[in-house]
Amino acid sequence: RDLIAAADARGYSRKGRGLDLEAGKTFAIVPYLQESSPEDSWMCL
């Protein structure tokens, strides 16, 4: 939830759309590409 809120506040494109935060118990995060805009970040699955 905090990561999604941070993505929204920073103006990132990918914001966890489709993830059910109520049903999800464990979330595995796999970075797949670097991005530099609006700041250095990882695109993650």
PDB file of all heavy atoms in Angstrom:
ATOM      1  N   ARG A   1       0.847  -1.213   0.000  1.00  0.00           N
ATOM      2  CA  ARG A   1       0.000   0.000   0.000  1.00  0.00           C
ATOM      3  C   ARG A   1       0.877   1.256   0.000  1.00  0.00           C
ATOM      4  O   ARG A   1       0.611   2.211  -0.737  1.00  0.00           O
ATOM      5  CB  ARG A   1      -0.931   0.007   1.205  1.00  0.00           C
ATOM      6  CG  ARG A   1      -2.159  -0.800   1.044  1.00  0.00           C
ATOM      7  CD  ARG A   1      -3.130  -0.588   2.218  1.00  0.00           C
ATOM      8  NE  ARG A   1      -4.155  -1.608   2.180  1.00  0.00           N
ATOM      9  CZ  ARG A   1      -4.070  -2.812   2.726  1.00  0.00           C
ATOM     10  NH1 ARG A   1      -2.994  -3.149   3.410  1.00  0.00           N
ATOM     11  NH2 ARG A   1      -5.042  -3.679   2.620  1.00  0.00           N
ATOM     12  N   ASP A   2       1.915   1.250   0.827  1.00  0.00           N
ATOM     13  CA  ASP A   2       2.829   2.397   0.884  1.00  0.00           C
ATOM     14  C   ASP A   2       3.554   2.601  -0.442  1.00  0.00           C
ATOM     15  O   ASP A   2       3.735   3.733  -0.890  1.00  0.00           O
ATOM     16  CB  ASP A   2       3.856   2.214   2.010  1.00  0.00           C
ATOM     17  CG  ASP A   2       3.243   2.338   3.400  1.00  0.00           C
ATOM     18  OD1 ASP A   2       2.081   2.799   3.518  1.00  0.00           O
ATOM     19  OD2 ASP A   2       3.929   1.942   4.375  1.00  0.00           O
ATOM     20  N   LEU A   3       3.977   1.507  -1.076  1.00  0.00           N
ATOM     21  CA  LEU A   3       4.667   1.606  -2.367  1.00  0.00           C
ATOM     22  C   LEU A   3       3.741   2.152  -3.455  1.00  0.00           C
ATOM     23  O   LEU A   3       4.157   2.955  -4.286  1.00  0.00           O
ATOM     24  CB  LEU A   3       5.226   0.245  -2.784  1.00  0.00           C
ATOM     25  CG  LEU A   3       6.393  -0.275  -1.946  1.00  0.00           C
ATOM     26  CD1 LEU A   3       6.680  -1.739  -2.288  1.00  0.00           C
ATOM     27  CD2 LEU A   3       7.631   0.584  -2.139  1.00  0.00           C
ATOM     28  N   ILE A   4       2.481   1.730  -3.439  1.00  0.00           N
ATOM     29  CA  ILE A   4       1.511   2.227  -4.412  1.00  0.00           C
ATOM     30  C   ILE A   4       1.235   3.705  -4.174  1.00  0.00           C
ATOM     31  O   ILE A   4       1.174   4.499  -5.119  1.00  0.00           O
ATOM     32  CB  ILE A   4       0.222   1.384  -4.380  1.00  0.00           C
ATOM     33  CG1 ILE A   4       0.513  -0.012  -4.958  1.00  0.00           C
ATOM     34  CG2 ILE A   4      -0.906   2.065  -5.151  1.00  0.00           C
ATOM     35  CD1 ILE A   4      -0.622  -1.005  -4.795  1.00  0.00           C
ATOM     36  N   ALA A   5       1.095   4.097  -2.910  1.00  0.00           N
ATOM     37  CA  ALA A   5       0.887   5.516  -2.590  1.00  0.00           C
ATOM     38  C   ALA A   5       2.085   6.354  -3.033  1.00  0.00           C
ATOM     39  O   ALA A   5       1.915   7.457  -3.573  1.00  0.00           O
ATOM     40  CB  ALA A   5       0.641   5.684  -1.087  1.00  0.00           C
ATOM     41  N   ALA A   6       3.289   5.825  -2.835  1.00  0.00           N
ATOM     42  CA  ALA A   6       4.504   6.544  -3.263  1.00  0.00           C
ATOM     43  C   ALA A   6       4.544   6.663  -4.785  1.00  0.00           C
ATOM     44  O   ALA A   6       4.902   7.724  -5.318  1.00  0.00           O
ATOM     45  CB  ALA A   6       5.751   5.826  -2.744  1.00  0.00           C
ATOM     46  N   ALA A   7       4.175   5.616  -5.503  1.00  0.00           N
ATOM     47  CA  ALA A   7       4.149   5.653  -6.970  1.00  0.00           C
ATOM     48  C   ALA A   7       3.164   6.709  -7.459  1.00  0.00           C
ATOM     49  O   ALA A   7       3.448   7.463  -8.394  1.00  0.00           O
ATOM     50  CB  ALA A   7       3.790   4.277  -7.533  1.00  0.00           C
ATOM     51  N   ASP A   8       2.030   6.791  -6.808  1.00  0.00           N
ATOM     52  CA  ASP A   8       1.021   7.788  -7.181  1.00  0.00           C
ATOM     53  C   ASP A   8       1.536   9.204  -6.896  1.00  0.00           C
ATOM     54  O   ASP A   8       1.427  10.095  -7.743  1.00  0.00           O
ATOM     55  CB  ASP A   8      -0.270   7.513  -6.414  1.00  0.00           C
ATOM     56  CG  ASP A   8      -1.431   8.317  -6.943  1.00  0.00           C
ATOM     57  OD1 ASP A   8      -1.568   8.428  -8.178  1.00  0.00           O
ATOM     58  OD2 ASP A   8      -2.209   8.835  -6.112  1.00  0.00           O
ATOM     59  N   ALA A   9       2.133   9.396  -5.716  1.00  0.00           N
ATOM     60  CA  ALA A   9       2.627  10.722  -5.335  1.00  0.00           C
ATOM     61  C   ALA A   9       3.781  11.183  -6.229  1.00  0.00           C
ATOM     62  O   ALA A   9       3.916  12.378  -6.492  1.00  0.00           O
ATOM     63  CB  ALA A   9       3.085  10.705  -3.866  1.00  0.00           C
ATOM     64  N   ARG A  10       4.595  10.230  -6.696  1.00  0.00           N
ATOM     65  CA  ARG A  10       5.747  10.582  -7.530  1.00  0.00           C
ATOM     66  C   ARG A  10       5.394  10.705  -9.010  1.00  0.00           C
ATOM     67  O   ARG A  10       6.259  11.040  -9.814  1.00  0.00           O
ATOM     68  CB  ARG A  10       6.839   9.535  -7.350  1.00  0.00           C
ATOM     69  CG  ARG A  10       7.478   9.564  -5.985  1.00  0.00           C
ATOM     70  CD  ARG A  10       8.542   8.491  -5.867  1.00  0.00           C
ATOM     71  NE  ARG A  10       9.339   8.685  -4.677  1.00  0.00           N
ATOM     72  CZ  ARG A  10       9.543   7.742  -3.759  1.00  0.00           C
ATOM     73  NH1 ARG A  10       9.028   6.546  -3.907  1.00  0.00           N
ATOM     74  NH2 ARG A  10      10.275   8.012  -2.707  1.00  0.00           N
ATOM     75  N   GLY A  11       4.171  10.401  -9.366  1.00  0.00           N
ATOM     76  CA  GLY A  11       3.758  10.518 -10.762  1.00  0.00           C
ATOM     77  C   GLY A  11       4.221   9.375 -11.649  1.00  0.00           C
ATOM     78  O   GLY A  11       4.335   9.530 -12.857  1.00  0.00           O
ATOM     79  N   TYR A  12       4.457   8.214 -11.060  1.00  0.00           N
ATOM     80  CA  TYR A  12       4.875   7.052 -11.840  1.00  0.00           C
ATOM     81  C   TYR A  12       3.714   6.544 -12.692  1.00  0.00           C
ATOM     82  O   TYR A  12       2.544   6.731 -12.354  1.00  0.00           O
ATOM     83  CB  TYR A  12       5.346   5.922 -10.931  1.00  0.00           C
ATOM     84  CG  TYR A  12       6.641   6.173 -10.192  1.00  0.00           C
ATOM     85  CD1 TYR A  12       6.996   5.362  -9.135  1.00  0.00           C
ATOM     86  CD2 TYR A  12       7.517   7.189 -10.541  1.00  0.00           C
ATOM     87  CE1 TYR A  12       8.184   5.547  -8.448  1.00  0.00           C
ATOM     88  CE2 TYR A  12       8.705   7.382  -9.863  1.00  0.00           C
ATOM     89  CZ  TYR A  12       9.035   6.559  -8.813  1.00  0.00           C
ATOM     90  OH  TYR A  12      10.205   6.749  -8.138  1.00  0.00           O
ATOM     91  N   SER A  13       4.053   5.839 -13.750  1.00  0.00           N
ATOM     92  CA  SER A  13       3.048   5.294 -14.669  1.00  0.00           C
ATOM     93  C   SER A  13       2.394   4.024 -14.142  1.00  0.00           C
ATOM     94  O   SER A  13       1.183   3.849 -14.231  1.00  0.00           O
ATOM     95  CB  SER A  13       3.675   4.970 -16.030  1.00  0.00           C
ATOM     96  OG  SER A  13       4.255   6.108 -16.593  1.00  0.00           O
ATOM     97  N   ARG A  14       3.191   3.109 -13.634  1.00  0.00           N
ATOM     98  CA  ARG A  14       2.681   1.818 -13.165  1.00  0.00           C
ATOM     99  C   ARG A  14       2.417   1.906 -11.667  1.00  0.00           C
ATOM    100  O   ARG A  14       3.311   2.164 -10.885  1.00  0.00           O
ATOM    101  CB  ARG A  14       3.697   0.714 -13.506  1.00  0.00           C
ATOM    102  CG  ARG A  14       3.695   0.383 -15.004  1.00  0.00           C
ATOM    103  CD  ARG A  14       5.015  -0.176 -15.479  1.00  0.00           C
ATOM    104  NE  ARG A  14       6.058   0.850 -15.531  1.00  0.00           N
ATOM    105  CZ  ARG A  14       6.193   1.736 -16.529  1.00  0.00           C
ATOM    106  NH1 ARG A  14       5.376   1.714 -17.551  1.00  0.00           N
ATOM    107  NH2 ARG A  14       7.151   2.638 -16.497  1.00  0.00           N
ATOM    108  N   LYS A  15       1.147   1.672 -11.307  1.00  0.00           N
ATOM    109  CA  LYS A  15       0.721   1.887  -9.915  1.00  0.00           C
ATOM    110  C   LYS A  15       0.003   0.673  -9.327  1.00  0.00           C
ATOM    111  O   LYS A  15      -0.873   0.808  -8.487  1.00  0.00           O
ATOM    112  CB  LYS A  15      -0.202   3.101  -9.839  1.00  0.00           C
ATOM    113  CG  LYS A  15       0.473   4.377 -10.321  1.00  0.00           C
ATOM    114  CD  LYS A  15      -0.493   5.528 -10.361  1.00  0.00           C
ATOM    115  CE  LYS A  15       0.154   6.710 -11.059  1.00  0.00           C
ATOM    116  NZ  LYS A  15      -0.792   7.755 -11.361  1.00  0.00           N
ATOM    117  N   GLY A  16       0.351  -0.520  -9.785  1.00  0.00           N
ATOM    118  CA  GLY A  16      -0.215  -1.729  -9.197  1.00  0.00           C
ATOM    119  C   GLY A  16      -1.650  -2.008  -9.603  1.00  0.00           C
ATOM    120  O   GLY A  16      -2.350  -2.734  -8.891  1.00  0.00           O
ATOM    121  N   ARG A  17      -2.067  -1.462 -10.729  1.00  0.00           N
ATOM    122  CA  ARG A  17      -3.449  -1.670 -11.170  1.00  0.00           C
ATOM    123  C   ARG A  17      -3.748  -3.168 -11.266  1.00  0.00           C
ATOM    124  O   ARG A  17      -2.951  -3.945 -11.766  1.00  0.00           O
ATOM    125  CB  ARG A  17      -3.667  -1.008 -12.523  1.00  0.00           C
ATOM    126  CG  ARG A  17      -5.126  -0.976 -12.944  1.00  0.00           C
ATOM    127  CD  ARG A  17      -5.281  -0.327 -14.255  1.00  0.00           C
ATOM    128  NE  ARG A  17      -4.547  -1.158 -15.230  1.00  0.00           N
ATOM    129  CZ  ARG A  17      -4.587  -0.990 -16.516  1.00  0.00           C
ATOM    130  NH1 ARG A  17      -5.243  -0.008 -17.036  1.00  0.00           N
ATOM    131  NH2 ARG A  17      -3.920  -1.787 -17.314  1.00  0.00           N
ATOM    132  N   GLY A  18      -4.893  -3.551 -10.761  1.00  0.00           N
ATOM    133  CA  GLY A  18      -5.330  -4.942 -10.817  1.00  0.00           C
ATOM    134  C   GLY A  18      -4.942  -5.781  -9.615  1.00  0.00           C
ATOM    135  O   GLY A  18      -5.405  -6.904  -9.480  1.00  0.00           O
ATOM    136  N   LEU A  19      -4.100  -5.252  -8.737  1.00  0.00           N
ATOM    137  CA  LEU A  19      -3.723  -6.010  -7.545  1.00  0.00           C
ATOM    138  C   LEU A  19      -4.790  -5.840  -6.476  1.00  0.00           C
ATOM    139  O   LEU A  19      -5.228  -4.728  -6.206  1.00  0.00           O
ATOM    140  CB  LEU A  19      -2.375  -5.534  -7.005  1.00  0.00           C
ATOM    141  CG  LEU A  19      -1.164  -5.806  -7.895  1.00  0.00           C
ATOM    142  CD1 LEU A  19       0.061  -5.112  -7.335  1.00  0.00           C
ATOM    143  CD2 LEU A  19      -0.925  -7.300  -8.026  1.00  0.00           C
ATOM    144  N   ASP A  20      -5.202  -6.935  -5.879  1.00  0.00           N
ATOM    145  CA  ASP A  20      -6.202  -6.904  -4.819  1.00  0.00           C
ATOM    146  C   ASP A  20      -5.483  -6.839  -3.475  1.00  0.00           C
ATOM    147  O   ASP A  20      -4.987  -7.849  -2.978  1.00  0.00           O
ATOM    148  CB  ASP A  20      -7.097  -8.140  -4.897  1.00  0.00           C
ATOM    149  CG  ASP A  20      -8.239  -8.107  -3.911  1.00  0.00           C
ATOM    150  OD1 ASP A  20      -8.229  -7.272  -2.978  1.00  0.00           O
ATOM    151  OD2 ASP A  20      -9.162  -8.925  -4.069  1.00  0.00           O
ATOM    152  N   LEU A  21      -5.426  -5.643  -2.905  1.00  0.00           N
ATOM    153  CA  LEU A  21      -4.694  -5.457  -1.647  1.00  0.00           C
ATOM    154  C   LEU A  21      -5.424  -6.055  -0.452  1.00  0.00           C
ATOM    155  O   LEU A  21      -4.823  -6.267   0.597  1.00  0.00           O
ATOM    156  CB  LEU A  21      -4.420  -3.980  -1.414  1.00  0.00           C
ATOM    157  CG  LEU A  21      -3.536  -3.316  -2.470  1.00  0.00           C
ATOM    158  CD1 LEU A  21      -3.364  -1.837  -2.162  1.00  0.00           C
ATOM    159  CD2 LEU A  21      -2.211  -4.004  -2.571  1.00  0.00           C
ATOM    160  N   GLU A  22      -6.704  -6.309  -0.608  1.00  0.00           N
ATOM    161  CA  GLU A  22      -7.461  -6.922   0.490  1.00  0.00           C
ATOM    162  C   GLU A  22      -7.244  -8.432   0.520  1.00  0.00           C
ATOM    163  O   GLU A  22      -7.126  -9.018   1.584  1.00  0.00           O
ATOM    164  CB  GLU A  22      -8.953  -6.603   0.351  1.00  0.00           C
ATOM    165  CG  GLU A  22      -9.270  -5.114   0.390  1.00  0.00           C
ATOM    166  CD  GLU A  22      -8.703  -4.417   1.614  1.00  0.00           C
ATOM    167  OE1 GLU A  22      -8.808  -4.968   2.732  1.00  0.00           O
ATOM    168  OE2 GLU A  22      -8.124  -3.326   1.463  1.00  0.00           O
ATOM    169  N   ALA A  23      -7.201  -9.059  -0.650  1.00  0.00           N
ATOM    170  CA  ALA A  23      -7.045 -10.517  -0.718  1.00  0.00           C
ATOM    171  C   ALA A  23      -5.586 -10.934  -0.649  1.00  0.00           C
ATOM    172  O   ALA A  23      -5.266 -12.025  -0.177  1.00  0.00           O
ATOM    173  CB  ALA A  23      -7.679 -11.060  -1.998  1.00  0.00           C
ATOM    174  N   GLY A  24      -4.677 -10.078  -1.124  1.00  0.00           N
ATOM    175  CA  GLY A  24      -3.262 -10.439  -1.156  1.00  0.00           C
ATOM    176  C   GLY A  24      -2.666 -10.560   0.233  1.00  0.00           C
ATOM    177  O   GLY A  24      -2.892  -9.711   1.094  1.00  0.00           O
ATOM    178  N   LYS A  25      -1.931 -11.623   0.443  1.00  0.00           N
ATOM    179  CA  LYS A  25      -1.286 -11.849   1.735  1.00  0.00           C
ATOM    180  C   LYS A  25       0.232 -11.706   1.617  1.00  0.00           C
ATOM    181  O   LYS A  25       0.888 -11.240   2.525  1.00  0.00           O
ATOM    182  CB  LYS A  25      -1.647 -13.245   2.240  1.00  0.00           C
ATOM    183  CG  LYS A  25      -1.159 -13.547   3.621  1.00  0.00           C
ATOM    184  CD  LYS A  25      -1.725 -14.850   4.126  1.00  0.00           C
ATOM    185  CE  LYS A  25      -1.242 -15.116   5.533  1.00  0.00           C
ATOM    186  NZ  LYS A  25      -1.767 -16.359   6.072  1.00  0.00           N
ATOM    187  N   THR A  26       0.761 -12.127   0.480  1.00  0.00           N
ATOM    188  CA  THR A  26       2.188 -12.061   0.205  1.00  0.00           C
ATOM    189  C   THR A  26       2.373 -11.490  -1.191  1.00  0.00           C
ATOM    190  O   THR A  26       1.688 -11.902  -2.121  1.00  0.00           O
ATOM    191  CB  THR A  26       2.823 -13.468   0.265  1.00  0.00           C
ATOM    192  OG1 THR A  26       2.542 -14.056   1.527  1.00  0.00           O
ATOM    193  CG2 THR A  26       4.326 -13.402   0.058  1.00  0.00           C
ATOM    194  N   PHE A  27       3.313 -10.557  -1.345  1.00  0.00           N
ATOM    195  CA  PHE A  27       3.588  -9.949  -2.644  1.00  0.00           C
ATOM    196  C   PHE A  27       5.066 -10.125  -2.968  1.00  0.00           C
ATOM    197  O   PHE A  27       5.920  -9.694  -2.203  1.00  0.00           O
ATOM    198  CB  PHE A  27       3.223  -8.456  -2.629  1.00  0.00           C
ATOM    199  CG  PHE A  27       1.773  -8.207  -2.362  1.00  0.00           C
ATOM    200  CD1 PHE A  27       1.315  -7.989  -1.069  1.00  0.00           C
ATOM    201  CD2 PHE A  27       0.859  -8.192  -3.398  1.00  0.00           C
ATOM    202  CE1 PHE A  27      -0.028  -7.753  -0.808  1.00  0.00           C
ATOM    203  CE2 PHE A  27      -0.491  -7.956  -3.155  1.00  0.00           C
ATOM    204  CZ  PHE A  27      -0.933  -7.750  -1.855  1.00  0.00           C
ATOM    205  N   ALA A  28       5.349 -10.783  -4.074  1.00  0.00           N
ATOM    206  CA  ALA A  28       6.720 -10.942  -4.561  1.00  0.00           C
ATOM    207  C   ALA A  28       6.961  -9.866  -5.613  1.00  0.00           C
ATOM    208  O   ALA A  28       6.114  -9.637  -6.475  1.00  0.00           O
ATOM    209  CB  ALA A  28       6.909 -12.329  -5.158  1.00  0.00           C
ATOM    210  N   ILE A  29       8.105  -9.209  -5.521  1.00  0.00           N
ATOM    211  CA  ILE A  29       8.413  -8.087  -6.414  1.00  0.00           C
ATOM    212  C   ILE A  29       9.671  -8.414  -7.210  1.00  0.00           C
ATOM    213  O   ILE A  29      10.722  -8.714  -6.634  1.00  0.00           O
ATOM    214  CB  ILE A  29       8.584  -6.794  -5.605  1.00  0.00           C
ATOM    215  CG1 ILE A  29       7.258  -6.486  -4.881  1.00  0.00           C
ATOM    216  CG2 ILE A  29       9.022  -5.644  -6.500  1.00  0.00           C
ATOM    217  CD1 ILE A  29       7.321  -5.351  -3.917  1.00  0.00           C
ATOM    218  N   VAL A  30       9.525  -8.348  -8.542  1.00  0.00           N
ATOM    219  CA  VAL A  30      10.613  -8.694  -9.452  1.00  0.00           C
ATOM    220  C   VAL A  30      10.883  -7.497 -10.366  1.00  0.00           C
ATOM    221  O   VAL A  30      10.065  -7.179 -11.226  1.00  0.00           O
ATOM    222  CB  VAL A  30      10.238  -9.929 -10.303  1.00  0.00           C
ATOM    223  CG1 VAL A  30      11.370 -10.299 -11.250  1.00  0.00           C
ATOM    224  CG2 VAL A  30       9.850 -11.104  -9.420  1.00  0.00           C
ATOM    225  N   PRO A  31      12.017  -6.795 -10.190  1.00  0.00           N
ATOM    226  CA  PRO A  31      12.332  -5.681 -11.093  1.00  0.00           C
ATOM    227  C   PRO A  31      12.663  -6.217 -12.486  1.00  0.00           C
ATOM    228  O   PRO A  31      13.295  -7.263 -12.616  1.00  0.00           O
ATOM    229  CB  PRO A  31      13.550  -5.025 -10.450  1.00  0.00           C
ATOM    230  CG  PRO A  31      14.126  -6.051  -9.550  1.00  0.00           C
ATOM    231  CD  PRO A  31      13.044  -6.996  -9.171  1.00  0.00           C
ATOM    232  N   TYR A  32      12.186  -5.484 -13.517  1.00  0.00           N
ATOM    233  CA  TYR A  32      12.478  -5.956 -14.872  1.00  0.00           C
ATOM    234  C   TYR A  32      13.060  -4.894 -15.790  1.00  0.00           C
ATOM    235  O   TYR A  32      13.557  -5.219 -16.862  1.00  0.00           O
ATOM    236  CB  TYR A  32      11.247  -6.593 -15.527  1.00  0.00           C
ATOM    237  CG  TYR A  32      10.065  -5.672 -15.746  1.00  0.00           C
ATOM    238  CD1 TYR A  32       9.958  -4.908 -16.905  1.00  0.00           C
ATOM    239  CD2 TYR A  32       9.046  -5.599 -14.809  1.00  0.00           C
ATOM    240  CE1 TYR A  32       8.873  -4.076 -17.113  1.00  0.00           C
ATOM    241  CE2 TYR A  32       7.951  -4.784 -15.011  1.00  0.00           C
ATOM    242  CZ  TYR A  32       7.866  -4.028 -16.170  1.00  0.00           C
ATOM    243  OH  TYR A  32       6.776  -3.216 -16.371  1.00  0.00           O
ATOM    244  N   LEU A  33      13.035  -3.622 -15.410  1.00  0.00           N
ATOM    245  CA  LEU A  33      13.610  -2.589 -16.269  1.00  0.00           C
ATOM    246  C   LEU A  33      13.831  -1.317 -15.459  1.00  0.00           C
ATOM    247  O   LEU A  33      13.015  -0.965 -14.605  1.00  0.00           O
ATOM    248  CB  LEU A  33      12.678  -2.290 -17.446  1.00  0.00           C
ATOM    249  CG  LEU A  33      13.225  -1.418 -18.576  1.00  0.00           C
ATOM    250  CD1 LEU A  33      14.414  -2.071 -19.255  1.00  0.00           C
ATOM    251  CD2 LEU A  33      12.133  -1.148 -19.611  1.00  0.00           C
ATOM    252  N   GLN A  34      14.940  -0.627 -15.749  1.00  0.00           N
ATOM    253  CA  GLN A  34      15.244   0.653 -15.103  1.00  0.00           C
ATOM    254  C   GLN A  34      14.487   1.762 -15.810  1.00  0.00           C
ATOM    255  O   GLN A  34      14.226   1.680 -17.003  1.00  0.00           O
ATOM    256  CB  GLN A  34      16.738   0.950 -15.206  1.00  0.00           C
ATOM    257  CG  GLN A  34      17.615  -0.138 -14.703  1.00  0.00           C
ATOM    258  CD  GLN A  34      19.019  -0.032 -15.268  1.00  0.00           C
ATOM    259  OE1 GLN A  34      19.373   0.890 -15.976  1.00  0.00           O
ATOM    260  NE2 GLN A  34      19.835  -1.019 -14.960  1.00  0.00           N
ATOM    261  N   GLU A  35      14.152   2.790 -15.051  1.00  0.00           N
ATOM    262  CA  GLU A  35      13.510   3.965 -15.632  1.00  0.00           C
ATOM    263  C   GLU A  35      14.123   5.202 -14.982  1.00  0.00           C
ATOM    264  O   GLU A  35      14.480   5.167 -13.806  1.00  0.00           O
ATOM    265  CB  GLU A  35      11.997   3.918 -15.403  1.00  0.00           C
ATOM    266  CG  GLU A  35      11.259   4.991 -16.136  1.00  0.00           C
ATOM    267  CD  GLU A  35       9.771   4.721 -16.205  1.00  0.00           C
ATOM    268  OE1 GLU A  35       9.171   4.440 -15.161  1.00  0.00           O
ATOM    269  OE2 GLU A  35       9.236   4.807 -17.316  1.00  0.00           O
ATOM    270  N   SER A  36      14.232   6.283 -15.744  1.00  0.00           N
ATOM    271  CA  SER A  36      14.853   7.488 -15.197  1.00  0.00           C
ATOM    272  C   SER A  36      13.893   8.659 -15.087  1.00  0.00           C
ATOM    273  O   SER A  36      14.264   9.704 -14.564  1.00  0.00           O
ATOM    274  CB  SER A  36      16.045   7.897 -16.060  1.00  0.00           C
ATOM    275  OG  SER A  36      15.629   8.151 -17.385  1.00  0.00           O
ATOM    276  N   SER A  37      12.671   8.512 -15.542  1.00  0.00           N
ATOM    277  CA  SER A  37      11.727   9.629 -15.501  1.00  0.00           C
ATOM    278  C   SER A  37      10.444   9.197 -14.811  1.00  0.00           C
ATOM    279  O   SER A  37       9.919   8.131 -15.137  1.00  0.00           O
ATOM    280  CB  SER A  37      11.421  10.084 -16.935  1.00  0.00           C
ATOM    281  OG  SER A  37      10.491  11.119 -16.927  1.00  0.00           O
ATOM    282  N   PRO A  38       9.954   9.905 -13.847  1.00  0.00           N
ATOM    283  CA  PRO A  38      10.407  11.212 -13.382  1.00  0.00           C
ATOM    284  C   PRO A  38      11.643  11.158 -12.484  1.00  0.00           C
ATOM    285  O   PRO A  38      12.232  12.191 -12.183  1.00  0.00           O
ATOM    286  CB  PRO A  38       9.206  11.742 -12.608  1.00  0.00           C
ATOM    287  CG  PRO A  38       8.460  10.546 -12.155  1.00  0.00           C
ATOM    288  CD  PRO A  38       8.712   9.487 -13.191  1.00  0.00           C
ATOM    289  N   GLU A  39      12.066   9.968 -12.031  1.00  0.00           N
ATOM    290  CA  GLU A  39      13.293   9.810 -11.261  1.00  0.00           C
ATOM    291  C   GLU A  39      13.767   8.372 -11.422  1.00  0.00           C
ATOM    292  O   GLU A  39      13.037   7.531 -11.941  1.00  0.00           O
ATOM    293  CB  GLU A  39      13.059  10.135  -9.780  1.00  0.00           C
ATOM    294  CG  GLU A  39      12.081   9.187  -9.109  1.00  0.00           C
ATOM    295  CD  GLU A  39      11.709   9.606  -7.698  1.00  0.00           C
ATOM    296  OE1 GLU A  39      12.026  10.726  -7.285  1.00  0.00           O
ATOM    297  OE2 GLU A  39      11.100   8.786  -7.005  1.00  0.00           O
ATOM    298  N   ASP A  40      14.985   8.087 -10.978  1.00  0.00           N
ATOM    299  CA  ASP A  40      15.513   6.731 -11.098  1.00  0.00           C
ATOM    300  C   ASP A  40      14.637   5.756 -10.306  1.00  0.00           C
ATOM    301  O   ASP A  40      14.412   5.936  -9.106  1.00  0.00           O
ATOM    302  CB  ASP A  40      16.950   6.669 -10.592  1.00  0.00           C
ATOM    303  CG  ASP A  40      17.930   7.372 -11.521  1.00  0.00           C
ATOM    304  OD1 ASP A  40      17.524   7.707 -12.651  1.00  0.00           O
ATOM    305  OD2 ASP A  40      19.081   7.571 -11.109  1.00  0.00           O
ATOM    306  N   SER A  41      14.155   4.750 -11.015  1.00  0.00           N
ATOM    307  CA  SER A  41      13.261   3.775 -10.394  1.00  0.00           C
ATOM    308  C   SER A  41      13.340   2.465 -11.171  1.00  0.00           C
ATOM    309  O   SER A  41      14.005   2.372 -12.199  1.00  0.00           O
ATOM    310  CB  SER A  41      11.827   4.305 -10.390  1.00  0.00           C
ATOM    311  OG  SER A  41      11.378   4.550 -11.716  1.00  0.00           O
ATOM    312  N   TRP A  42      12.656   1.471 -10.642  1.00  0.00           N
ATOM    313  CA  TRP A  42      12.543   0.169 -11.298  1.00  0.00           C
ATOM    314  C   TRP A  42      11.097  -0.060 -11.702  1.00  0.00           C
ATOM    315  O   TRP A  42      10.179   0.168 -10.914  1.00  0.00           O
ATOM    316  CB  TRP A  42      12.957  -0.951 -10.347  1.00  0.00           C
ATOM    317  CG  TRP A  42      14.415  -0.991 -10.051  1.00  0.00           C
ATOM    318  CD1 TRP A  42      15.024  -0.624  -8.886  1.00  0.00           C
ATOM    319  CD2 TRP A  42      15.455  -1.416 -10.929  1.00  0.00           C
ATOM    320  NE1 TRP A  42      16.373  -0.792  -8.992  1.00  0.00           N
ATOM    321  CE2 TRP A  42      16.669  -1.281 -10.251  1.00  0.00           C
ATOM    322  CE3 TRP A  42      15.470  -1.896 -12.239  1.00  0.00           C
ATOM    323  CZ2 TRP A  42      17.898  -1.607 -10.812  1.00  0.00           C
ATOM    324  CZ3 TRP A  42      16.694  -2.223 -12.797  1.00  0.00           C
ATOM    325  CH2 TRP A  42      17.883  -2.082 -12.087  1.00  0.00           C
ATOM    326  N   MET A  43      10.900  -0.547 -12.910  1.00  0.00           N
ATOM    327  CA  MET A  43       9.611  -1.101 -13.305  1.00  0.00           C
ATOM    328  C   MET A  43       9.615  -2.522 -12.750  1.00  0.00           C
ATOM    329  O   MET A  43      10.579  -3.269 -12.963  1.00  0.00           O
ATOM    330  CB  MET A  43       9.472  -1.152 -14.827  1.00  0.00           C
ATOM    331  CG  MET A  43       9.451   0.186 -15.492  1.00  0.00           C
ATOM    332  SD  MET A  43       9.315  -0.102 -17.277  1.00  0.00           S
ATOM    333  CE  MET A  43       9.874   1.489 -17.878  1.00  0.00           C
ATOM    334  N   CYS A  44       8.560  -2.867 -12.021  1.00  0.00           N
ATOM    335  CA  CYS A  44       8.544  -4.164 -11.350  1.00  0.00           C
ATOM    336  C   CYS A  44       7.271  -4.936 -11.664  1.00  0.00           C
ATOM    337  O   CYS A  44       6.193  -4.350 -11.802  1.00  0.00           O
ATOM    338  CB  CYS A  44       8.631  -3.985  -9.833  1.00  0.00           C
ATOM    339  SG  CYS A  44      10.153  -3.198  -9.272  1.00  0.00           S
ATOM    340  N   LEU A  45       7.425  -6.248 -11.743  1.00  0.00           N
ATOM    341  CA  LEU A  45       6.287  -7.153 -11.808  1.00  0.00           C
ATOM    342  C   LEU A  45       5.985  -7.553 -10.371  1.00  0.00           C
ATOM    343  O   LEU A  45       6.901  -7.909  -9.621  1.00  0.00           O
ATOM    344  CB  LEU A  45       6.636  -8.378 -12.640  1.00  0.00           C
ATOM    345  CG  LEU A  45       5.552  -9.431 -12.794  1.00  0.00           C
ATOM    346  CD1 LEU A  45       4.355  -8.857 -13.562  1.00  0.00           C
ATOM    347  CD2 LEU A  45       6.097 -10.650 -13.521  1.00  0.00           C
TER     348      LEU A  45
END
